[in-house]
Structure formats: structure tokens, C-alpha cells
All heavy atoms as atom14 arrays in JSON, in Angstrom:
{
  "sequence": "RMGAGDKLSLIGPLGNGFPLHEAKGKKVFLMGGGIGVPPILELAK",
  "atom14_mask": [
    [1, 1, 1, 1, 1, 1, 1, 1, 1, 1, 1, 0, 0, 0],
    [1, 1, 1, 1, 1, 1, 1, 1, 0, 0, 0, 0, 0, 0],
    [1, 1, 1, 1, 0, 0, 0, 0, 0, 0, 0, 0, 0, 0],
    [1, 1, 1, 1, 1, 0, 0, 0, 0, 0, 0, 0, 0, 0],
    [1, 1, 1, 1, 0, 0, 0, 0, 0, 0, 0, 0, 0, 0],
    [1, 1, 1, 1, 1, 1, 1, 1, 0, 0, 0, 0, 0, 0],
    [1, 1, 1, 1, 1, 1, 1, 1, 1, 0, 0, 0, 0, 0],
    [1, 1, 1, 1, 1, 1, 1, 1, 0, 0, 0, 0, 0, 0],
    [1, 1, 1, 1, 1, 1, 0, 0, 0, 0, 0, 0, 0, 0],
    [1, 1, 1, 1, 1, 1, 1, 1, 0, 0, 0, 0, 0, 0],
    [1, 1, 1, 1, 1, 1, 1, 1, 0, 0, 0, 0, 0, 0],
    [1, 1, 1, 1, 0, 0, 0, 0, 0, 0, 0, 0, 0, 0],
    [1, 1, 1, 1, 1, 1, 1, 0, 0, 0, 0, 0, 0, 0],
    [1, 1, 1, 1, 1, 1, 1, 1, 0, 0, 0, 0, 0, 0],
    [1, 1, 1, 1, 0, 0, 0, 0, 0, 0, 0, 0, 0, 0],
    [1, 1, 1, 1, 1, 1, 1, 1, 0, 0, 0, 0, 0, 0],
    [1, 1, 1, 1, 0, 0, 0, 0, 0, 0, 0, 0, 0, 0],
    [1, 1, 1, 1, 1, 1, 1, 1, 1, 1, 1, 0, 0, 0],
    [1, 1, 1, 1, 1, 1, 1, 0, 0, 0, 0, 0, 0, 0],
    [1, 1, 1, 1, 1, 1, 1, 1, 0, 0, 0, 0, 0, 0],
    [1, 1, 1, 1, 1, 1, 1, 1, 1, 1, 0, 0, 0, 0],
    [1, 1, 1, 1, 1, 1, 1, 1, 1, 0, 0, 0, 0, 0],
    [1, 1, 1, 1, 1, 0, 0, 0, 0, 0, 0, 0, 0, 0],
    [1, 1, 1, 1, 1, 1, 1, 1, 1, 0, 0, 0, 0, 0],
    [1, 1, 1, 1, 0, 0, 0, 0, 0, 0, 0, 0, 0, 0],
    [1, 1, 1, 1, 1, 1, 1, 1, 1, 0, 0, 0, 0, 0],
    [1, 1, 1, 1, 1, 1, 1, 1, 1, 0, 0, 0, 0, 0],
    [1, 1, 1, 1, 1, 1, 1, 0, 0, 0, 0, 0, 0, 0],
    [1, 1, 1, 1, 1, 1, 1, 1, 1, 1, 1, 0, 0, 0],
    [1, 1, 1, 1, 1, 1, 1, 1, 0, 0, 0, 0, 0, 0],
    [1, 1, 1, 1, 1, 1, 1, 1, 0, 0, 0, 0, 0, 0],
    [1, 1, 1, 1, 0, 0, 0, 0, 0, 0, 0, 0, 0, 0],
    [1, 1, 1, 1, 0, 0, 0, 0, 0, 0, 0, 0, 0, 0],
    [1, 1, 1, 1, 0, 0, 0, 0, 0, 0, 0, 0, 0, 0],
    [1, 1, 1, 1, 1, 1, 1, 1, 0, 0, 0, 0, 0, 0],
    [1, 1, 1, 1, 0, 0, 0, 0, 0, 0, 0, 0, 0, 0],
    [1, 1, 1, 1, 1, 1, 1, 0, 0, 0, 0, 0, 0, 0],
    [1, 1, 1, 1, 1, 1, 1, 0, 0, 0, 0, 0, 0, 0],
    [1, 1, 1, 1, 1, 1, 1, 0, 0, 0, 0, 0, 0, 0],
    [1, 1, 1, 1, 1, 1, 1, 1, 0, 0, 0, 0, 0, 0],
    [1, 1, 1, 1, 1, 1, 1, 1, 0, 0, 0, 0, 0, 0],
    [1, 1, 1, 1, 1, 1, 1, 1, 1, 0, 0, 0, 0, 0],
    [1, 1, 1, 1, 1, 1, 1, 1, 0, 0, 0, 0, 0, 0],
    [1, 1, 1, 1, 1, 0, 0, 0, 0, 0, 0, 0, 0, 0],
    [1, 1, 1, 1, 1, 1, 1, 1, 1, 0, 0, 0, 0, 0]
  ],
  "atom14_positions": [
    [[21.84, -1.28, -23.59], [21.77, -2.32, -22.54], [20.62, -2.02, -21.55], [20.4, -2.84, -20.68], [23.08, -2.37, -21.8], [24.19, -2.95, -22.68], [25.48, -3.3, -21.79], [26.59, -2.31, -21.98], [26.91, -1.54, -20.97], [26.4, -1.54, -19.79], [27.96, -0.68, -21.26], [0.0, 0.0, 0.0], [0.0, 0.0, 0.0], [0.0, 0.0, 0.0]],
    [[19.95, -0.98, -21.79], [18.8, -0.63, -20.85], [17.52, -1.34, -21.19], [17.32, -1.82, -22.34], [18.52, 0.92, -20.86], [19.8, 1.72, -20.52], [19.45, 3.5, -20.49], [18.69, 3.6, -18.85], [0.0, 0.0, 0.0], [0.0, 0.0, 0.0], [0.0, 0.0, 0.0], [0.0, 0.0, 0.0], [0.0, 0.0, 0.0], [0.0, 0.0, 0.0]],
    [[16.72, -1.47, -20.16], [15.45, -2.2, -20.45], [14.25, -1.53, -19.66], [14.47, -0.53, -18.96], [0.0, 0.0, 0.0], [0.0, 0.0, 0.0], [0.0, 0.0, 0.0], [0.0, 0.0, 0.0], [0.0, 0.0, 0.0], [0.0, 0.0, 0.0], [0.0, 0.0, 0.0], [0.0, 0.0, 0.0], [0.0, 0.0, 0.0], [0.0, 0.0, 0.0]],
    [[13.09, -2.12, -19.73], [11.93, -1.54, -19.11], [12.07, -1.26, -17.63], [12.61, -2.11, -16.89], [10.71, -2.4, -19.34], [0.0, 0.0, 0.0], [0.0, 0.0, 0.0], [0.0, 0.0, 0.0], [0.0, 0.0, 0.0], [0.0, 0.0, 0.0], [0.0, 0.0, 0.0], [0.0, 0.0, 0.0], [0.0, 0.0, 0.0], [0.0, 0.0, 0.0]],
    [[11.78, -0.08, -17.2], [11.97, 0.32, -15.81], [13.21, 1.05, -15.47], [13.35, 1.7, -14.43], [0.0, 0.0, 0.0], [0.0, 0.0, 0.0], [0.0, 0.0, 0.0], [0.0, 0.0, 0.0], [0.0, 0.0, 0.0], [0.0, 0.0, 0.0], [0.0, 0.0, 0.0], [0.0, 0.0, 0.0], [0.0, 0.0, 0.0], [0.0, 0.0, 0.0]],
    [[14.18, 0.9, -16.34], [15.42, 1.64, -16.13], [15.23, 3.2, -16.23], [14.34, 3.64, -16.96], [16.56, 1.21, -17.11], [17.09, -0.15, -16.81], [16.87, -0.6, -15.59], [17.62, -0.82, -17.66], [0.0, 0.0, 0.0], [0.0, 0.0, 0.0], [0.0, 0.0, 0.0], [0.0, 0.0, 0.0], [0.0, 0.0, 0.0], [0.0, 0.0, 0.0]],
    [[16.12, 3.93, -15.63], [15.94, 5.43, -15.58], [17.19, 6.06, -16.29], [18.32, 5.49, -16.28], [15.9, 5.99, -14.18], [14.74, 5.39, -13.33], [13.4, 5.9, -13.87], [12.32, 5.41, -12.95], [12.33, 5.95, -11.6], [0.0, 0.0, 0.0], [0.0, 0.0, 0.0], [0.0, 0.0, 0.0], [0.0, 0.0, 0.0], [0.0, 0.0, 0.0]],
    [[16.94, 7.18, -16.99], [18.01, 7.94, -17.57], [17.66, 9.42, -17.47], [16.46, 9.73, -17.35], [18.36, 7.38, -18.99], [17.29, 7.54, -20.07], [17.2, 8.94, -20.73], [17.5, 6.51, -21.14], [0.0, 0.0, 0.0], [0.0, 0.0, 0.0], [0.0, 0.0, 0.0], [0.0, 0.0, 0.0], [0.0, 0.0, 0.0], [0.0, 0.0, 0.0]],
    [[18.63, 10.26, -17.75], [18.37, 11.68, -17.69], [18.48, 12.21, -19.14], [19.19, 11.72, -20.01], [19.44, 12.43, -16.86], [19.4, 11.96, -15.51], [0.0, 0.0, 0.0], [0.0, 0.0, 0.0], [0.0, 0.0, 0.0], [0.0, 0.0, 0.0], [0.0, 0.0, 0.0], [0.0, 0.0, 0.0], [0.0, 0.0, 0.0], [0.0, 0.0, 0.0]],
    [[17.64, 13.28, -19.38], [17.59, 13.87, -20.71], [17.17, 15.38, -20.62], [16.51, 15.77, -19.58], [16.76, 13.07, -21.67], [15.19, 12.93, -21.42], [14.4, 14.21, -21.76], [14.73, 11.8, -22.3], [0.0, 0.0, 0.0], [0.0, 0.0, 0.0], [0.0, 0.0, 0.0], [0.0, 0.0, 0.0], [0.0, 0.0, 0.0], [0.0, 0.0, 0.0]],
    [[17.42, 16.02, -21.68], [16.95, 17.39, -21.83], [16.23, 17.38, -23.2], [16.73, 16.89, -24.22], [18.1, 18.48, -21.84], [18.76, 18.52, -20.5], [17.42, 19.86, -22.18], [19.94, 19.43, -20.48], [0.0, 0.0, 0.0], [0.0, 0.0, 0.0], [0.0, 0.0, 0.0], [0.0, 0.0, 0.0], [0.0, 0.0, 0.0], [0.0, 0.0, 0.0]],
    [[15.01, 17.95, -23.23], [14.28, 18.03, -24.49], [12.88, 18.45, -24.38], [12.42, 18.62, -23.25], [0.0, 0.0, 0.0], [0.0, 0.0, 0.0], [0.0, 0.0, 0.0], [0.0, 0.0, 0.0], [0.0, 0.0, 0.0], [0.0, 0.0, 0.0], [0.0, 0.0, 0.0], [0.0, 0.0, 0.0], [0.0, 0.0, 0.0], [0.0, 0.0, 0.0]],
    [[12.07, 18.65, -25.46], [12.64, 18.51, -26.85], [13.49, 19.67, -27.18], [13.21, 20.82, -26.7], [11.37, 18.39, -27.67], [10.4, 19.26, -26.81], [10.73, 18.94, -25.49], [0.0, 0.0, 0.0], [0.0, 0.0, 0.0], [0.0, 0.0, 0.0], [0.0, 0.0, 0.0], [0.0, 0.0, 0.0], [0.0, 0.0, 0.0], [0.0, 0.0, 0.0]],
    [[14.49, 19.51, -28.05], [15.41, 20.55, -28.54], [15.33, 20.7, -30.02], [14.94, 19.81, -30.75], [16.87, 20.2, -28.05], [17.13, 20.03, -26.62], [18.45, 19.53, -26.31], [16.91, 21.37, -25.8], [0.0, 0.0, 0.0], [0.0, 0.0, 0.0], [0.0, 0.0, 0.0], [0.0, 0.0, 0.0], [0.0, 0.0, 0.0], [0.0, 0.0, 0.0]],
    [[15.76, 21.88, -30.42], [15.7, 22.13, -31.93], [14.38, 22.7, -32.37], [13.48, 22.83, -31.62], [0.0, 0.0, 0.0], [0.0, 0.0, 0.0], [0.0, 0.0, 0.0], [0.0, 0.0, 0.0], [0.0, 0.0, 0.0], [0.0, 0.0, 0.0], [0.0, 0.0, 0.0], [0.0, 0.0, 0.0], [0.0, 0.0, 0.0], [0.0, 0.0, 0.0]],
    [[14.36, 23.04, -33.68], [13.29, 23.79, -34.2], [12.19, 22.84, -34.83], [10.97, 23.27, -34.95], [13.71, 24.8, -35.24], [14.49, 24.23, -36.43], [14.79, 23.07, -36.38], [14.89, 24.98, -37.35], [0.0, 0.0, 0.0], [0.0, 0.0, 0.0], [0.0, 0.0, 0.0], [0.0, 0.0, 0.0], [0.0, 0.0, 0.0], [0.0, 0.0, 0.0]],
    [[12.57, 21.66, -35.34], [11.58, 20.84, -36.02], [11.24, 21.26, -37.46], [11.72, 22.28, -37.94], [0.0, 0.0, 0.0], [0.0, 0.0, 0.0], [0.0, 0.0, 0.0], [0.0, 0.0, 0.0], [0.0, 0.0, 0.0], [0.0, 0.0, 0.0], [0.0, 0.0, 0.0], [0.0, 0.0, 0.0], [0.0, 0.0, 0.0], [0.0, 0.0, 0.0]],
    [[10.46, 20.4, -38.21], [10.14, 20.72, -39.52], [8.9, 21.63, -39.66], [8.01, 21.57, -38.88], [9.8, 19.42, -40.23], [11.04, 18.49, -40.52], [11.16, 17.34, -39.75], [11.85, 18.72, -41.55], [12.24, 16.48, -39.99], [12.92, 17.89, -41.79], [13.12, 16.73, -41.02], [0.0, 0.0, 0.0], [0.0, 0.0, 0.0], [0.0, 0.0, 0.0]],
    [[8.89, 22.53, -40.62], [7.75, 23.43, -40.85], [6.65, 22.79, -41.56], [6.64, 22.77, -42.84], [8.42, 24.61, -41.64], [9.52, 24.0, -42.38], [10.04, 22.87, -41.55], [0.0, 0.0, 0.0], [0.0, 0.0, 0.0], [0.0, 0.0, 0.0], [0.0, 0.0, 0.0], [0.0, 0.0, 0.0], [0.0, 0.0, 0.0], [0.0, 0.0, 0.0]],
    [[5.73, 22.2, -40.89], [4.7, 21.41, -41.46], [3.71, 22.22, -42.36], [3.15, 21.77, -43.32], [3.9, 20.63, -40.4], [4.73, 19.74, -39.47], [3.74, 18.91, -38.56], [5.66, 18.79, -40.16], [0.0, 0.0, 0.0], [0.0, 0.0, 0.0], [0.0, 0.0, 0.0], [0.0, 0.0, 0.0], [0.0, 0.0, 0.0], [0.0, 0.0, 0.0]],
    [[3.45, 23.46, -41.95], [2.41, 24.28, -42.6], [2.68, 24.43, -44.07], [1.68, 24.68, -44.82], [2.26, 25.55, -41.82], [3.5, 26.49, -41.88], [4.59, 26.22, -41.07], [3.78, 27.49, -42.68], [5.53, 27.08, -41.36], [5.03, 27.95, -42.3], [0.0, 0.0, 0.0], [0.0, 0.0, 0.0], [0.0, 0.0, 0.0], [0.0, 0.0, 0.0]],
    [[3.93, 24.43, -44.44], [4.2, 24.76, -45.81], [3.82, 23.64, -46.83], [3.89, 23.82, -48.05], [5.73, 25.05, -45.98], [6.06, 26.35, -45.29], [7.5, 26.81, -45.75], [7.84, 26.55, -46.84], [8.16, 27.53, -44.98], [0.0, 0.0, 0.0], [0.0, 0.0, 0.0], [0.0, 0.0, 0.0], [0.0, 0.0, 0.0], [0.0, 0.0, 0.0]],
    [[3.47, 22.43, -46.24], [3.22, 21.31, -47.15], [1.7, 21.25, -47.56], [1.36, 20.42, -48.41], [3.54, 20.05, -46.38], [0.0, 0.0, 0.0], [0.0, 0.0, 0.0], [0.0, 0.0, 0.0], [0.0, 0.0, 0.0], [0.0, 0.0, 0.0], [0.0, 0.0, 0.0], [0.0, 0.0, 0.0], [0.0, 0.0, 0.0], [0.0, 0.0, 0.0]],
    [[0.93, 22.06, -46.99], [-0.5, 21.96, -47.28], [-0.93, 22.01, -48.82], [-0.54, 22.95, -49.46], [-1.28, 23.03, -46.48], [-2.82, 22.87, -46.56], [-3.49, 23.89, -45.64], [-5.0, 23.76, -45.59], [-5.72, 24.63, -44.7], [0.0, 0.0, 0.0], [0.0, 0.0, 0.0], [0.0, 0.0, 0.0], [0.0, 0.0, 0.0], [0.0, 0.0, 0.0]],
    [[-1.53, 20.99, -49.19], [-2.01, 20.98, -50.6], [-0.89, 20.66, -51.62], [-1.13, 20.69, -52.83], [0.0, 0.0, 0.0], [0.0, 0.0, 0.0], [0.0, 0.0, 0.0], [0.0, 0.0, 0.0], [0.0, 0.0, 0.0], [0.0, 0.0, 0.0], [0.0, 0.0, 0.0], [0.0, 0.0, 0.0], [0.0, 0.0, 0.0], [0.0, 0.0, 0.0]],
    [[0.34, 20.36, -51.22], [1.47, 20.15, -52.08], [1.86, 18.73, -52.11], [1.58, 17.92, -51.28], [2.7, 21.02, -51.7], [2.37, 22.46, -51.7], [3.59, 23.31, -51.27], [3.28, 24.77, -51.35], [4.49, 25.56, -50.72], [0.0, 0.0, 0.0], [0.0, 0.0, 0.0], [0.0, 0.0, 0.0], [0.0, 0.0, 0.0], [0.0, 0.0, 0.0]],
    [[2.49, 18.37, -53.27], [3.24, 17.04, -53.39], [4.53, 17.06, -52.63], [5.31, 18.04, -52.92], [3.43, 16.66, -54.9], [2.29, 16.04, -55.55], [2.7, 15.38, -56.86], [3.43, 16.3, -57.83], [3.79, 15.54, -59.07], [0.0, 0.0, 0.0], [0.0, 0.0, 0.0], [0.0, 0.0, 0.0], [0.0, 0.0, 0.0], [0.0, 0.0, 0.0]],
    [[4.7, 16.09, -51.81], [5.91, 16.22, -50.84], [6.71, 15.02, -50.93], [6.24, 13.85, -51.04], [5.31, 16.35, -49.43], [6.48, 16.33, -48.43], [4.58, 17.65, -49.22], [0.0, 0.0, 0.0], [0.0, 0.0, 0.0], [0.0, 0.0, 0.0], [0.0, 0.0, 0.0], [0.0, 0.0, 0.0], [0.0, 0.0, 0.0], [0.0, 0.0, 0.0]],
    [[8.09, 15.25, -50.89], [9.05, 14.16, -50.61], [9.44, 14.17, -49.14], [9.89, 15.24, -48.69], [10.27, 14.32, -51.48], [10.18, 13.9, -52.95], [10.97, 14.53, -53.83], [9.3, 12.91, -53.35], [10.87, 14.2, -55.25], [9.2, 12.61, -54.7], [9.94, 13.18, -55.56], [0.0, 0.0, 0.0], [0.0, 0.0, 0.0], [0.0, 0.0, 0.0]],
    [[9.34, 13.07, -48.43], [9.91, 12.92, -47.1], [11.07, 11.98, -47.29], [10.84, 10.72, -47.5], [8.8, 12.38, -46.15], [7.52, 13.12, -46.06], [6.52, 12.47, -45.05], [7.7, 14.63, -45.74], [0.0, 0.0, 0.0], [0.0, 0.0, 0.0], [0.0, 0.0, 0.0], [0.0, 0.0, 0.0], [0.0, 0.0, 0.0], [0.0, 0.0, 0.0]],
    [[12.23, 12.43, -47.14], [13.43, 11.56, -47.47], [14.3, 11.35, -46.25], [14.72, 12.3, -45.57], [14.19, 12.28, -48.6], [13.3, 12.66, -49.78], [14.18, 13.65, -51.08], [15.26, 12.4, -51.79], [0.0, 0.0, 0.0], [0.0, 0.0, 0.0], [0.0, 0.0, 0.0], [0.0, 0.0, 0.0], [0.0, 0.0, 0.0], [0.0, 0.0, 0.0]],
    [[14.57, 10.1, -46.08], [15.53, 9.7, -44.93], [16.6, 8.73, -45.37], [16.22, 7.91, -46.18], [0.0, 0.0, 0.0], [0.0, 0.0, 0.0], [0.0, 0.0, 0.0], [0.0, 0.0, 0.0], [0.0, 0.0, 0.0], [0.0, 0.0, 0.0], [0.0, 0.0, 0.0], [0.0, 0.0, 0.0], [0.0, 0.0, 0.0], [0.0, 0.0, 0.0]],
    [[17.81, 8.9, -44.87], [18.86, 7.97, -45.16], [19.56, 7.54, -43.98], [19.93, 8.34, -43.07], [0.0, 0.0, 0.0], [0.0, 0.0, 0.0], [0.0, 0.0, 0.0], [0.0, 0.0, 0.0], [0.0, 0.0, 0.0], [0.0, 0.0, 0.0], [0.0, 0.0, 0.0], [0.0, 0.0, 0.0], [0.0, 0.0, 0.0], [0.0, 0.0, 0.0]],
    [[19.81, 6.23, -43.83], [20.61, 5.72, -42.7], [19.82, 5.98, -41.47], [18.63, 5.76, -41.24], [0.0, 0.0, 0.0], [0.0, 0.0, 0.0], [0.0, 0.0, 0.0], [0.0, 0.0, 0.0], [0.0, 0.0, 0.0], [0.0, 0.0, 0.0], [0.0, 0.0, 0.0], [0.0, 0.0, 0.0], [0.0, 0.0, 0.0], [0.0, 0.0, 0.0]],
    [[20.67, 6.48, -40.41], [20.03, 6.8, -39.13], [19.2, 8.17, -39.17], [18.62, 8.56, -38.26], [21.07, 6.82, -38.01], [20.39, 6.45, -36.67], [21.76, 8.14, -37.98], [19.69, 5.14, -36.63], [0.0, 0.0, 0.0], [0.0, 0.0, 0.0], [0.0, 0.0, 0.0], [0.0, 0.0, 0.0], [0.0, 0.0, 0.0], [0.0, 0.0, 0.0]],
    [[19.16, 8.73, -40.38], [18.29, 9.79, -40.69], [16.89, 9.42, -41.12], [16.02, 10.26, -41.27], [0.0, 0.0, 0.0], [0.0, 0.0, 0.0], [0.0, 0.0, 0.0], [0.0, 0.0, 0.0], [0.0, 0.0, 0.0], [0.0, 0.0, 0.0], [0.0, 0.0, 0.0], [0.0, 0.0, 0.0], [0.0, 0.0, 0.0], [0.0, 0.0, 0.0]],
    [[16.66, 8.12, -41.16], [15.32, 7.55, -41.47], [14.36, 7.71, -40.28], [13.19, 8.2, -40.52], [15.42, 6.06, -41.89], [14.0, 5.37, -41.93], [16.09, 5.97, -43.25], [0.0, 0.0, 0.0], [0.0, 0.0, 0.0], [0.0, 0.0, 0.0], [0.0, 0.0, 0.0], [0.0, 0.0, 0.0], [0.0, 0.0, 0.0], [0.0, 0.0, 0.0]],
    [[14.65, 7.46, -39.08], [13.72, 7.44, -37.98], [12.95, 8.8, -37.84], [11.77, 8.87, -37.59], [14.51, 7.17, -36.74], [15.54, 6.29, -37.3], [15.93, 6.8, -38.6], [0.0, 0.0, 0.0], [0.0, 0.0, 0.0], [0.0, 0.0, 0.0], [0.0, 0.0, 0.0], [0.0, 0.0, 0.0], [0.0, 0.0, 0.0], [0.0, 0.0, 0.0]],
    [[13.64, 10.02, -37.92], [12.9, 11.27, -37.66], [11.82, 11.49, -38.73], [10.91, 12.35, -38.52], [14.08, 12.33, -37.88], [15.3, 11.64, -37.59], [15.07, 10.25, -38.15], [0.0, 0.0, 0.0], [0.0, 0.0, 0.0], [0.0, 0.0, 0.0], [0.0, 0.0, 0.0], [0.0, 0.0, 0.0], [0.0, 0.0, 0.0], [0.0, 0.0, 0.0]],
    [[11.93, 10.8, -39.86], [10.87, 11.0, -40.91], [9.55, 10.34, -40.51], [8.46, 10.74, -41.08], [11.37, 10.41, -42.27], [12.74, 11.1, -42.66], [10.41, 10.56, -43.34], [12.55, 12.6, -42.86], [0.0, 0.0, 0.0], [0.0, 0.0, 0.0], [0.0, 0.0, 0.0], [0.0, 0.0, 0.0], [0.0, 0.0, 0.0], [0.0, 0.0, 0.0]],
    [[9.57, 9.4, -39.62], [8.31, 8.68, -39.3], [7.27, 9.57, -38.67], [6.13, 9.64, -39.13], [8.57, 7.42, -38.38], [7.36, 6.7, -37.9], [6.55, 6.23, -39.1], [7.71, 5.52, -37.08], [0.0, 0.0, 0.0], [0.0, 0.0, 0.0], [0.0, 0.0, 0.0], [0.0, 0.0, 0.0], [0.0, 0.0, 0.0], [0.0, 0.0, 0.0]],
    [[7.62, 10.35, -37.62], [6.65, 11.2, -36.92], [6.23, 12.36, -37.97], [5.09, 12.78, -37.99], [7.2, 11.79, -35.67], [6.11, 12.65, -34.9], [4.97, 11.88, -34.43], [5.11, 10.61, -34.2], [3.84, 12.45, -34.35], [0.0, 0.0, 0.0], [0.0, 0.0, 0.0], [0.0, 0.0, 0.0], [0.0, 0.0, 0.0], [0.0, 0.0, 0.0]],
    [[7.14, 12.76, -38.82], [6.87, 13.77, -39.86], [5.79, 13.18, -40.72], [4.83, 13.87, -41.08], [8.08, 14.15, -40.62], [7.94, 15.07, -41.71], [7.5, 16.45, -41.32], [9.32, 15.25, -42.49], [0.0, 0.0, 0.0], [0.0, 0.0, 0.0], [0.0, 0.0, 0.0], [0.0, 0.0, 0.0], [0.0, 0.0, 0.0], [0.0, 0.0, 0.0]],
    [[5.91, 11.96, -41.18], [4.97, 11.29, -42.08], [3.59, 11.2, -41.44], [2.53, 11.3, -42.11], [5.42, 9.98, -42.55], [0.0, 0.0, 0.0], [0.0, 0.0, 0.0], [0.0, 0.0, 0.0], [0.0, 0.0, 0.0], [0.0, 0.0, 0.0], [0.0, 0.0, 0.0], [0.0, 0.0, 0.0], [0.0, 0.0, 0.0], [0.0, 0.0, 0.0]],
    [[3.62, 10.94, -40.17], [2.32, 10.76, -39.41], [1.52, 12.08, -39.24], [0.33, 12.17, -39.27], [2.58, 10.16, -38.01], [3.06, 8.71, -38.08], [3.48, 8.22, -36.75], [2.36, 8.13, -35.78], [2.76, 7.48, -34.47], [0.0, 0.0, 0.0], [0.0, 0.0, 0.0], [0.0, 0.0, 0.0], [0.0, 0.0, 0.0], [0.0, 0.0, 0.0]]
  ]
}
């Protein structure tokens, strides 16, 4: 229900993230399902 200009509180970023360095030169699957799809976008970028 929030819109532009509204305020909220958060803590972050949290967690370890994906190890990107291991993908260099390799064929990669980036797989997301349901609400697990959105985190794959920045990974793909």
C-alpha cells in the first residue's frame, strides 16, 4: 500500500550473496522459481 515518498525502516544488506567468481569462463544455469525468481535478476546482470 506504500507509494513514492513514503518511509520505512530496514536493516541491510544481509546474508552472504552468490559467489560470482566461480562462474568465470563456465557455462552457467541461473535458476529461479516463484518468488525465488527476482534475486536471479541482479545475479544475471
